[in-house]
């Protein structure tokens, strides 16, 4: 077993924070990879302005850091 690290499965789309779609009931459950997060903290709203790459989740209201 063990993965090869090649990322052969489905991959989240990448975006900047400003490039994320609106987070609302229609987009709830989407996951994106963000490329410009600023000091991300788990389960906090994502903010732009940095260089950190993190996964974010739309909870129906706000994009939060996973």
N, C-alpha and C. Protein backbone atom coordinates (compact mmCIF):
# COMPACT_ATOMS: atom_id res chain seq x y z
N UNK A 1 0.82 -1.19 0.00
CA UNK A 1 0.00 0.00 0.00
C UNK A 1 0.86 1.24 0.00
N UNK A 2 0.28 2.34 0.45
CA UNK A 2 1.03 3.59 0.46
C UNK A 2 0.87 4.30 -0.86
N UNK A 3 0.76 5.57 -0.79
CA UNK A 3 0.60 6.36 -2.01
C UNK A 3 1.93 6.74 -2.61
N UNK A 4 1.88 7.13 -3.84
CA UNK A 4 3.09 7.54 -4.52
C UNK A 4 3.27 9.04 -4.46
N UNK A 5 2.27 9.75 -3.98
CA UNK A 5 2.36 11.19 -3.91
C UNK A 5 2.18 11.88 -5.25
N UNK A 6 1.63 11.16 -6.22
CA UNK A 6 1.48 11.73 -7.55
C UNK A 6 0.20 12.52 -7.72
N UNK A 7 -0.71 12.43 -6.75
CA UNK A 7 -1.96 13.18 -6.86
C UNK A 7 -2.85 12.68 -7.98
N UNK A 8 -2.95 11.36 -8.11
CA UNK A 8 -3.70 10.79 -9.22
C UNK A 8 -5.21 10.88 -9.05
N UNK A 9 -5.69 11.19 -7.84
CA UNK A 9 -7.12 11.31 -7.61
C UNK A 9 -7.62 12.70 -7.94
N UNK A 10 -8.90 12.95 -7.71
CA UNK A 10 -9.45 14.28 -7.98
C UNK A 10 -8.73 15.33 -7.14
N UNK A 11 -8.42 16.44 -7.74
CA UNK A 11 -7.71 17.52 -7.07
C UNK A 11 -8.61 18.75 -7.01
N UNK A 12 -8.59 19.46 -5.87
CA UNK A 12 -9.37 20.70 -5.79
C UNK A 12 -8.84 21.72 -6.79
N UNK A 13 -9.69 22.59 -7.25
CA UNK A 13 -9.28 23.68 -8.11
C UNK A 13 -8.45 24.67 -7.28
N UNK A 14 -7.54 25.37 -7.95
CA UNK A 14 -6.73 26.39 -7.27
C UNK A 14 -7.24 27.77 -7.64
N UNK A 15 -7.14 28.70 -6.69
CA UNK A 15 -7.58 30.08 -6.91
C UNK A 15 -6.91 30.99 -5.89
N UNK A 16 -6.95 32.26 -6.15
CA UNK A 16 -6.61 33.24 -5.11
C UNK A 16 -7.87 33.44 -4.28
N UNK A 17 -7.73 34.06 -3.13
CA UNK A 17 -8.91 34.32 -2.29
C UNK A 17 -9.92 35.16 -3.07
N UNK A 18 -9.44 36.18 -3.76
CA UNK A 18 -10.34 37.03 -4.54
C UNK A 18 -10.99 36.28 -5.70
N UNK A 19 -10.37 35.23 -6.16
CA UNK A 19 -10.89 34.46 -7.28
C UNK A 19 -11.86 33.36 -6.89
N UNK A 20 -12.10 33.19 -5.59
CA UNK A 20 -13.06 32.17 -5.14
C UNK A 20 -14.47 32.58 -5.54
N UNK A 21 -15.32 31.60 -5.87
CA UNK A 21 -16.71 31.95 -6.12
C UNK A 21 -17.38 32.39 -4.81
N UNK A 22 -18.49 33.10 -4.90
CA UNK A 22 -19.19 33.49 -3.67
C UNK A 22 -19.55 32.25 -2.85
N UNK A 23 -19.42 32.35 -1.54
CA UNK A 23 -19.78 31.23 -0.66
C UNK A 23 -21.22 31.46 -0.18
N UNK A 24 -22.10 30.58 -0.62
CA UNK A 24 -23.52 30.68 -0.26
C UNK A 24 -24.12 29.28 -0.30
N UNK A 25 -25.43 29.17 -0.17
CA UNK A 25 -26.08 27.86 -0.15
C UNK A 25 -25.83 27.07 -1.43
N UNK A 26 -25.70 27.75 -2.54
CA UNK A 26 -25.49 27.06 -3.83
C UNK A 26 -24.08 26.49 -3.96
N UNK A 27 -23.11 27.08 -3.27
CA UNK A 27 -21.72 26.62 -3.38
C UNK A 27 -21.24 25.89 -2.13
N UNK A 28 -22.13 25.72 -1.15
CA UNK A 28 -21.75 25.03 0.08
C UNK A 28 -21.16 23.65 -0.24
N UNK A 29 -20.05 23.33 0.40
CA UNK A 29 -19.40 22.04 0.21
C UNK A 29 -18.23 22.07 -0.76
N UNK A 30 -18.07 23.17 -1.51
CA UNK A 30 -16.94 23.26 -2.43
C UNK A 30 -15.64 23.38 -1.65
N UNK A 31 -14.59 22.79 -2.21
CA UNK A 31 -13.25 22.89 -1.64
C UNK A 31 -12.33 23.41 -2.73
N UNK A 32 -11.53 24.41 -2.39
CA UNK A 32 -10.54 24.97 -3.31
C UNK A 32 -9.19 24.98 -2.62
N UNK A 33 -8.15 24.98 -3.41
CA UNK A 33 -6.81 25.26 -2.92
C UNK A 33 -6.55 26.74 -3.14
N UNK A 34 -6.23 27.46 -2.09
CA UNK A 34 -5.97 28.90 -2.19
C UNK A 34 -4.45 29.11 -2.16
N UNK A 35 -3.98 30.03 -2.99
CA UNK A 35 -2.54 30.23 -3.14
C UNK A 35 -2.01 31.49 -2.49
N UNK A 36 -2.88 32.28 -1.87
CA UNK A 36 -2.42 33.56 -1.31
C UNK A 36 -3.00 33.86 0.07
N UNK A 37 -3.12 32.81 0.90
CA UNK A 37 -3.69 33.01 2.23
C UNK A 37 -2.72 33.76 3.14
N UNK A 38 -3.27 34.54 4.04
CA UNK A 38 -2.50 35.32 5.00
C UNK A 38 -2.73 34.75 6.39
N UNK A 39 -1.71 34.23 7.01
CA UNK A 39 -1.75 33.68 8.36
C UNK A 39 -3.00 32.80 8.58
N UNK A 40 -3.11 31.70 7.84
CA UNK A 40 -4.31 30.87 7.97
C UNK A 40 -4.35 30.10 9.29
N UNK A 41 -5.51 30.08 9.90
CA UNK A 41 -5.76 29.30 11.11
C UNK A 41 -6.92 28.37 10.81
N UNK A 42 -6.80 27.12 11.21
CA UNK A 42 -7.84 26.13 10.94
C UNK A 42 -9.21 26.63 11.40
N UNK A 43 -10.19 26.48 10.54
CA UNK A 43 -11.59 26.81 10.76
C UNK A 43 -11.88 28.31 10.83
N UNK A 44 -10.87 29.13 10.56
CA UNK A 44 -11.07 30.58 10.51
C UNK A 44 -11.36 31.00 9.07
N UNK A 45 -12.00 32.13 8.92
CA UNK A 45 -12.25 32.67 7.58
C UNK A 45 -10.90 32.95 6.92
N UNK A 46 -10.80 32.61 5.65
CA UNK A 46 -9.54 32.82 4.93
C UNK A 46 -9.39 34.28 4.55
N UNK A 47 -8.16 34.78 4.64
CA UNK A 47 -7.86 36.16 4.25
C UNK A 47 -6.74 36.13 3.22
N UNK A 48 -6.79 37.05 2.28
CA UNK A 48 -5.75 37.12 1.25
C UNK A 48 -4.63 38.05 1.68
N UNK A 49 -3.58 38.06 0.89
CA UNK A 49 -2.49 38.97 1.13
C UNK A 49 -1.20 38.30 1.53
N UNK A 50 -1.18 36.98 1.55
CA UNK A 50 0.03 36.26 1.92
C UNK A 50 0.51 35.37 0.79
N UNK A 51 1.31 34.40 1.13
CA UNK A 51 1.85 33.46 0.14
C UNK A 51 1.66 32.02 0.58
N UNK A 52 0.74 31.79 1.51
CA UNK A 52 0.52 30.45 2.04
C UNK A 52 -0.52 29.72 1.19
N UNK A 53 -0.23 28.47 0.88
CA UNK A 53 -1.16 27.63 0.12
C UNK A 53 -1.92 26.77 1.12
N UNK A 54 -3.26 26.86 1.11
CA UNK A 54 -4.11 26.09 2.02
C UNK A 54 -5.37 25.64 1.29
N UNK A 55 -6.04 24.65 1.87
CA UNK A 55 -7.34 24.22 1.37
C UNK A 55 -8.41 25.01 2.11
N UNK A 56 -9.43 25.43 1.38
CA UNK A 56 -10.55 26.16 1.99
C UNK A 56 -11.87 25.47 1.62
N UNK A 57 -12.84 25.62 2.48
CA UNK A 57 -14.15 24.98 2.36
C UNK A 57 -15.24 26.03 2.50
N UNK A 58 -16.23 25.95 1.62
CA UNK A 58 -17.39 26.84 1.73
C UNK A 58 -18.40 26.21 2.67
N UNK A 59 -18.68 26.85 3.78
CA UNK A 59 -19.63 26.31 4.77
C UNK A 59 -21.05 26.83 4.54
N UNK A 60 -21.26 27.48 3.41
CA UNK A 60 -22.58 28.04 3.10
C UNK A 60 -22.67 29.53 3.36
N UNK A 61 -21.68 30.05 4.08
CA UNK A 61 -21.64 31.47 4.40
C UNK A 61 -20.27 32.08 4.14
N UNK A 62 -19.22 31.36 4.56
CA UNK A 62 -17.85 31.88 4.53
C UNK A 62 -16.88 30.80 4.08
N UNK A 63 -15.84 31.20 3.35
CA UNK A 63 -14.75 30.29 3.02
C UNK A 63 -13.87 30.15 4.25
N UNK A 64 -13.72 28.92 4.78
CA UNK A 64 -12.90 28.69 5.95
C UNK A 64 -11.71 27.80 5.62
N UNK A 65 -10.65 27.96 6.39
CA UNK A 65 -9.42 27.18 6.21
C UNK A 65 -9.64 25.78 6.78
N UNK A 66 -9.23 24.78 6.02
CA UNK A 66 -9.31 23.40 6.50
C UNK A 66 -8.05 23.02 7.24
